[in-house]
C-alpha atoms as a PDB file:
ATOM      1  CA  UNK A   1      63.384 112.639  95.442  1.00  0.00           C
ATOM      2  CA  UNK A   2      63.888 110.637  92.318  1.00  0.00           C
ATOM      3  CA  UNK A   3      65.764 113.788  90.596  1.00  0.00           C
ATOM      4  CA  UNK A   4      67.953 114.274  93.868  1.00  0.00           C
ATOM      5  CA  UNK A   5      69.128 110.752  93.648  1.00  0.00           C
ATOM      6  CA  UNK A   6      70.015 110.234  90.109  1.00  0.00           C
ATOM      7  CA  UNK A   7      72.061 113.801  90.450  1.00  0.00           C
ATOM      8  CA  UNK A   8      73.677 112.159  93.329  1.00  0.00           C
ATOM      9  CA  UNK A   9      76.031 109.953  91.396  1.00  0.00           C
ATOM     10  CA  UNK A  10      79.253 110.226  90.017  1.00  0.00           C
ATOM     11  CA  UNK A  11      79.188 112.676  87.281  1.00  0.00           C
ATOM     12  CA  UNK A  12      78.332 115.492  90.687  1.00  0.00           C
ATOM     13  CA  UNK A  13      81.665 114.178  92.088  1.00  0.00           C
ATOM     14  CA  UNK A  14      83.999 114.616  88.730  1.00  0.00           C
ATOM     15  CA  UNK A  15      81.974 118.129  87.737  1.00  0.00           C
ATOM     16  CA  UNK A  16      83.219 119.427  91.275  1.00  0.00           C
ATOM     17  CA  UNK A  17      86.835 117.570  90.718  1.00  0.00           C
ATOM     18  CA  UNK A  18      86.898 119.165  87.583  1.00  0.00           C
ATOM     19  CA  UNK A  19      86.130 122.825  88.772  1.00  0.00           C
ATOM     20  CA  UNK A  20      88.693 122.830  91.447  1.00  0.00           C
ATOM     21  CA  UNK A  21      91.112 121.202  88.585  1.00  0.00           C
ATOM     22  CA  UNK A  22      90.265 124.499  86.396  1.00  0.00           C
ATOM     23  CA  UNK A  23      90.553 126.937  89.612  1.00  0.00           C
ATOM     24  CA  UNK A  24      93.921 125.115  90.136  1.00  0.00           C
ATOM     25  CA  UNK A  25      95.183 125.485  86.567  1.00  0.00           C
ATOM     26  CA  UNK A  26      94.146 129.302  86.323  1.00  0.00           C
ATOM     27  CA  UNK A  27      96.283 129.905  89.888  1.00  0.00           C
ATOM     28  CA  UNK A  28      99.205 128.017  88.513  1.00  0.00           C
ATOM     29  CA  UNK A  29      99.365 130.380  85.286  1.00  0.00           C
ATOM     30  CA  UNK A  30      98.545 133.360  87.043  1.00  0.00           C
ATOM     31  CA  UNK A  31     101.264 133.068  89.635  1.00  0.00           C
ATOM     32  CA  UNK A  32     103.884 132.091  87.337  1.00  0.00           C
ATOM     33  CA  UNK A  33     103.544 128.518  88.021  1.00  0.00           C
ATOM     34  CA  UNK A  34     103.945 128.356  91.700  1.00  0.00           C
ATOM     35  CA  UNK A  35     101.623 125.092  91.529  1.00  0.00           C
ATOM     36  CA  UNK A  36     104.013 123.240  89.730  1.00  0.00           C
ATOM     37  CA  UNK A  37     105.165 120.631  92.286  1.00  0.00           C
ATOM     38  CA  UNK A  38     101.310 119.850  92.653  1.00  0.00           C
ATOM     39  CA  UNK A  39     100.318 119.890  89.203  1.00  0.00           C
ATOM     40  CA  UNK A  40     102.972 117.327  88.405  1.00  0.00           C
ATOM     41  CA  UNK A  41     101.601 114.691  90.598  1.00  0.00           C
ATOM     42  CA  UNK A  42      98.372 114.590  89.800  1.00  0.00           C
ATOM     43  CA  UNK A  43      98.809 111.842  87.503  1.00  0.00           C
ATOM     44  CA  UNK A  44      98.717 109.894  90.717  1.00  0.00           C
ATOM     45  CA  UNK A  45      96.696 112.027  92.789  1.00  0.00           C
ATOM     46  CA  UNK A  46      93.305 111.874  91.180  1.00  0.00           C
ATOM     47  CA  UNK A  47      93.080 108.150  90.308  1.00  0.00           C
ATOM     48  CA  UNK A  48      93.687 107.756  94.032  1.00  0.00           C
ATOM     49  CA  UNK A  49      91.610 110.345  94.982  1.00  0.00           C
ATOM     50  CA  UNK A  50      88.043 108.776  92.629  1.00  0.00           C
ATOM     51  CA  UNK A  51      89.029 105.903  94.713  1.00  0.00           C
ATOM     52  CA  UNK A  52      86.398 107.691  96.847  1.00  0.00           C
ATOM     53  CA  UNK A  53      82.906 107.073  94.211  1.00  0.00           C
ATOM     54  CA  UNK A  54      82.431 103.702  95.146  1.00  0.00           C
ATOM     55  CA  UNK A  55      81.455 104.566  98.579  1.00  0.00           C
ATOM     56  CA  UNK A  56      78.557 105.752  96.382  1.00  0.00           C
ATOM     57  CA  UNK A  57      76.849 102.241  96.991  1.00  0.00           C
ATOM     58  CA  UNK A  58      76.961 102.386 100.626  1.00  0.00           C
ATOM     59  CA  UNK A  59      74.853 105.899 100.571  1.00  0.00           C
ATOM     60  CA  UNK A  60      70.883 105.017 100.716  1.00  0.00           C
ATOM     61  CA  UNK A  61      69.828 107.747  98.758  1.00  0.00           C
ATOM     62  CA  UNK A  62      71.931 107.294  95.671  1.00  0.00           C
ATOM     63  CA  UNK A  63      70.328 105.288  93.039  1.00  0.00           C
ATOM     64  CA  UNK A  64      72.299 102.082  92.131  1.00  0.00           C
ATOM     65  CA  UNK A  65      70.644 101.073  88.486  1.00  0.00           C
ATOM     66  CA  UNK A  66      73.110 101.579  86.361  1.00  0.00           C
ATOM     67  CA  UNK A  67      75.770 103.011  88.928  1.00  0.00           C
ATOM     68  CA  UNK A  68      78.708 101.294  87.685  1.00  0.00           C
ATOM     69  CA  UNK A  69      78.126 101.729  83.985  1.00  0.00           C
ATOM     70  CA  UNK A  70      77.758 105.757  85.477  1.00  0.00           C
ATOM     71  CA  UNK A  71      80.853 105.254  87.170  1.00  0.00           C
ATOM     72  CA  UNK A  72      82.689 104.103  84.524  1.00  0.00           C
ATOM     73  CA  UNK A  73      81.545 106.133  82.096  1.00  0.00           C
ATOM     74  CA  UNK A  74      82.316 109.602  84.504  1.00  0.00           C
ATOM     75  CA  UNK A  75      85.395 107.954  85.659  1.00  0.00           C
ATOM     76  CA  UNK A  76      87.014 107.763  81.919  1.00  0.00           C
ATOM     77  CA  UNK A  77      85.338 110.888  80.480  1.00  0.00           C
ATOM     78  CA  UNK A  78      86.092 113.074  83.217  1.00  0.00           C
ATOM     79  CA  UNK A  79      89.059 111.312  84.258  1.00  0.00           C
ATOM     80  CA  UNK A  80      90.538 112.697  81.078  1.00  0.00           C
ATOM     81  CA  UNK A  81      89.452 116.149  81.452  1.00  0.00           C
ATOM     82  CA  UNK A  82      90.908 117.175  84.815  1.00  0.00           C
ATOM     83  CA  UNK A  83      94.151 114.894  84.016  1.00  0.00           C
ATOM     84  CA  UNK A  84      94.244 117.076  80.502  1.00  0.00           C
ATOM     85  CA  UNK A  85      93.175 120.381  82.237  1.00  0.00           C
ATOM     86  CA  UNK A  86      95.687 120.506  85.095  1.00  0.00           C
ATOM     87  CA  UNK A  87      98.910 118.979  83.030  1.00  0.00           C
ATOM     88  CA  UNK A  88      98.130 121.300  80.212  1.00  0.00           C
ATOM     89  CA  UNK A  89      98.885 124.225  82.890  1.00  0.00           C
ATOM     90  CA  UNK A  90     102.514 122.911  83.890  1.00  0.00           C
ATOM     91  CA  UNK A  91     104.812 125.298  82.998  1.00  0.00           C
ATOM     92  CA  UNK A  92     107.440 122.840  80.952  1.00  0.00           C
ATOM     93  CA  UNK A  93     105.569 120.923  78.653  1.00  0.00           C
ATOM     94  CA  UNK A  94     107.110 117.842  77.499  1.00  0.00           C
ATOM     95  CA  UNK A  95     107.139 114.070  77.302  1.00  0.00           C
ATOM     96  CA  UNK A  96     107.734 114.111  81.020  1.00  0.00           C
ATOM     97  CA  UNK A  97     103.886 115.482  81.229  1.00  0.00           C
ATOM     98  CA  UNK A  98     102.674 113.197  78.485  1.00  0.00           C
ATOM     99  CA  UNK A  99     103.733 110.235  80.546  1.00  0.00           C
ATOM    100  CA  UNK A 100     102.006 111.883  83.543  1.00  0.00           C
ATOM    101  CA  UNK A 101      98.074 111.992  81.466  1.00  0.00           C
ATOM    102  CA  UNK A 102      98.702 108.330  79.648  1.00  0.00           C
ATOM    103  CA  UNK A 103      99.965 106.864  83.879  1.00  0.00           C
ATOM    104  CA  UNK A 104      97.157 108.873  85.219  1.00  0.00           C
ATOM    105  CA  UNK A 105      94.748 107.432  82.886  1.00  0.00           C
ATOM    106  CA  UNK A 106      96.042 103.449  83.279  1.00  0.00           C
ATOM    107  CA  UNK A 107      96.358 104.054  86.736  1.00  0.00           C
ATOM    108  CA  UNK A 108      92.591 105.272  86.674  1.00  0.00           C
ATOM    109  CA  UNK A 109      91.550 102.393  84.684  1.00  0.00           C
ATOM    110  CA  UNK A 110      93.033 100.236  86.938  1.00  0.00           C
ATOM    111  CA  UNK A 111      91.620 101.247  90.137  1.00  0.00           C
ATOM    112  CA  UNK A 112      88.061 101.154  87.995  1.00  0.00           C
ATOM    113  CA  UNK A 113      88.801  97.517  87.885  1.00  0.00           C
ATOM    114  CA  UNK A 114      89.746  97.024  91.114  1.00  0.00           C
ATOM    115  CA  UNK A 115      86.970  98.796  92.542  1.00  0.00           C
ATOM    116  CA  UNK A 116      84.213  97.351  90.382  1.00  0.00           C
ATOM    117  CA  UNK A 117      85.218  93.715  91.793  1.00  0.00           C
ATOM    118  CA  UNK A 118      85.473  94.749  95.369  1.00  0.00           C
ATOM    119  CA  UNK A 119      81.902  96.261  95.142  1.00  0.00           C
ATOM    120  CA  UNK A 120      80.947  93.368  93.839  1.00  0.00           C
ATOM    121  CA  UNK A 121      82.705  90.995  96.326  1.00  0.00           C
ATOM    122  CA  UNK A 122      81.048  93.546  98.723  1.00  0.00           C
ATOM    123  CA  UNK A 123      78.132  94.737  97.981  1.00  0.00           C
END
Protein backbone atom coordinates (compact mmCIF):
# COMPACT_ATOMS: atom_id res chain seq x y z
CA UNK A 1 0.00 0.00 0.00
CA UNK A 2 2.93 2.34 0.72
CA UNK A 3 4.23 1.92 -2.83
CA UNK A 4 0.82 2.81 -4.26
CA UNK A 5 0.80 6.02 -2.23
CA UNK A 6 4.10 7.06 -3.78
CA UNK A 7 3.30 5.93 -7.33
CA UNK A 8 0.05 7.91 -7.44
CA UNK A 9 1.50 11.36 -7.73
CA UNK A 10 2.40 14.16 -10.07
CA UNK A 11 5.06 12.10 -11.81
CA UNK A 12 2.49 9.58 -13.03
CA UNK A 13 0.27 12.42 -14.29
CA UNK A 14 3.13 13.99 -16.24
CA UNK A 15 4.36 10.67 -17.67
CA UNK A 16 0.86 9.97 -19.00
CA UNK A 17 0.69 13.48 -20.46
CA UNK A 18 4.13 12.97 -22.01
CA UNK A 19 3.02 9.70 -23.62
CA UNK A 20 -0.03 11.46 -25.07
CA UNK A 21 2.21 14.22 -26.41
CA UNK A 22 4.47 11.66 -28.12
CA UNK A 23 1.44 10.03 -29.74
CA UNK A 24 0.07 13.40 -30.90
CA UNK A 25 3.46 14.50 -32.23
CA UNK A 26 3.87 11.22 -34.10
CA UNK A 27 0.34 11.43 -35.52
CA UNK A 28 0.92 15.01 -36.65
CA UNK A 29 4.08 14.16 -38.57
CA UNK A 30 2.57 10.99 -39.97
CA UNK A 31 -0.61 12.60 -41.30
CA UNK A 32 0.86 15.62 -43.08
CA UNK A 33 0.53 17.94 -40.08
CA UNK A 34 -3.23 17.69 -39.60
CA UNK A 35 -2.95 18.53 -35.88
CA UNK A 36 -0.98 21.76 -36.34
CA UNK A 37 -3.90 23.87 -35.08
CA UNK A 38 -3.97 21.95 -31.79
CA UNK A 39 -0.20 21.90 -31.41
CA UNK A 40 0.04 25.63 -32.08
CA UNK A 41 -1.98 26.28 -28.91
CA UNK A 42 -0.46 23.73 -26.51
CA UNK A 43 1.52 26.55 -24.88
CA UNK A 44 -1.83 27.41 -23.26
CA UNK A 45 -3.45 23.97 -22.90
CA UNK A 46 -0.63 22.18 -21.08
CA UNK A 47 -0.25 24.71 -18.23
CA UNK A 48 -4.03 24.96 -17.80
CA UNK A 49 -4.35 21.17 -17.64
CA UNK A 50 -1.57 21.10 -15.05
CA UNK A 51 -3.89 22.80 -12.56
CA UNK A 52 -5.41 19.36 -11.93
CA UNK A 53 -2.20 18.23 -10.24
CA UNK A 54 -3.07 20.26 -7.17
CA UNK A 55 -6.16 18.10 -6.73
CA UNK A 56 -3.82 15.40 -5.40
CA UNK A 57 -3.97 17.13 -2.03
CA UNK A 58 -7.60 16.09 -1.65
CA UNK A 59 -7.12 12.43 -2.63
CA UNK A 60 -6.67 10.46 0.62
CA UNK A 61 -4.47 7.70 -0.80
CA UNK A 62 -1.75 10.07 -2.09
CA UNK A 63 1.35 10.55 0.08
CA UNK A 64 1.40 14.18 1.26
CA UNK A 65 5.04 14.31 2.45
CA UNK A 66 7.07 16.30 -0.06
CA UNK A 67 4.10 16.48 -2.42
CA UNK A 68 4.55 20.18 -3.14
CA UNK A 69 8.22 19.67 -4.03
CA UNK A 70 7.28 16.72 -6.23
CA UNK A 71 4.63 18.83 -7.98
CA UNK A 72 7.12 21.61 -8.65
CA UNK A 73 9.99 19.42 -9.83
CA UNK A 74 7.87 17.20 -12.04
CA UNK A 75 5.94 20.21 -13.34
CA UNK A 76 9.02 22.11 -14.46
CA UNK A 77 10.94 19.10 -15.83
CA UNK A 78 8.11 17.23 -17.48
CA UNK A 79 6.38 20.43 -18.60
CA UNK A 80 9.54 21.16 -20.56
CA UNK A 81 9.56 17.72 -22.17
CA UNK A 82 5.85 17.79 -23.04
CA UNK A 83 5.98 21.26 -24.57
CA UNK A 84 9.22 20.54 -26.40
CA UNK A 85 7.90 17.28 -27.87
CA UNK A 86 4.69 18.81 -29.10
CA UNK A 87 6.09 22.08 -30.40
CA UNK A 88 8.92 20.25 -32.17
CA UNK A 89 6.35 18.42 -34.28
CA UNK A 90 4.81 21.63 -35.63
CA UNK A 91 5.17 21.88 -39.41
CA UNK A 92 6.55 25.41 -39.73
CA UNK A 93 9.33 25.93 -37.22
CA UNK A 94 10.13 29.54 -36.50
CA UNK A 95 10.32 32.18 -33.80
CA UNK A 96 6.58 31.84 -33.08
CA UNK A 97 6.97 28.25 -31.94
CA UNK A 98 9.96 29.14 -29.76
CA UNK A 99 7.93 31.92 -28.21
CA UNK A 100 5.11 29.43 -27.64
CA UNK A 101 7.50 27.29 -25.63
CA UNK A 102 8.62 30.27 -23.53
CA UNK A 103 5.03 31.42 -23.00
CA UNK A 104 3.99 27.90 -21.99
CA UNK A 105 6.80 27.54 -19.47
CA UNK A 106 6.09 31.00 -18.03
CA UNK A 107 2.39 30.23 -17.72
CA UNK A 108 3.22 26.88 -16.13
CA UNK A 109 5.42 28.65 -13.57
CA UNK A 110 2.64 31.16 -12.79
CA UNK A 111 0.13 28.34 -12.35
CA UNK A 112 2.52 26.46 -10.05
CA UNK A 113 2.93 29.58 -7.90
CA UNK A 114 -0.81 30.29 -7.79
CA UNK A 115 -1.69 26.66 -7.11
CA UNK A 116 0.85 26.46 -4.30
CA UNK A 117 -0.63 29.55 -2.67
CA UNK A 118 -4.18 28.21 -2.96
CA UNK A 119 -3.20 24.79 -1.55
CA UNK A 120 -1.38 26.36 1.42
CA UNK A 121 -4.34 28.64 2.18
CA UNK A 122 -7.07 26.01 1.79
CA UNK A 123 -5.45 22.75 2.82
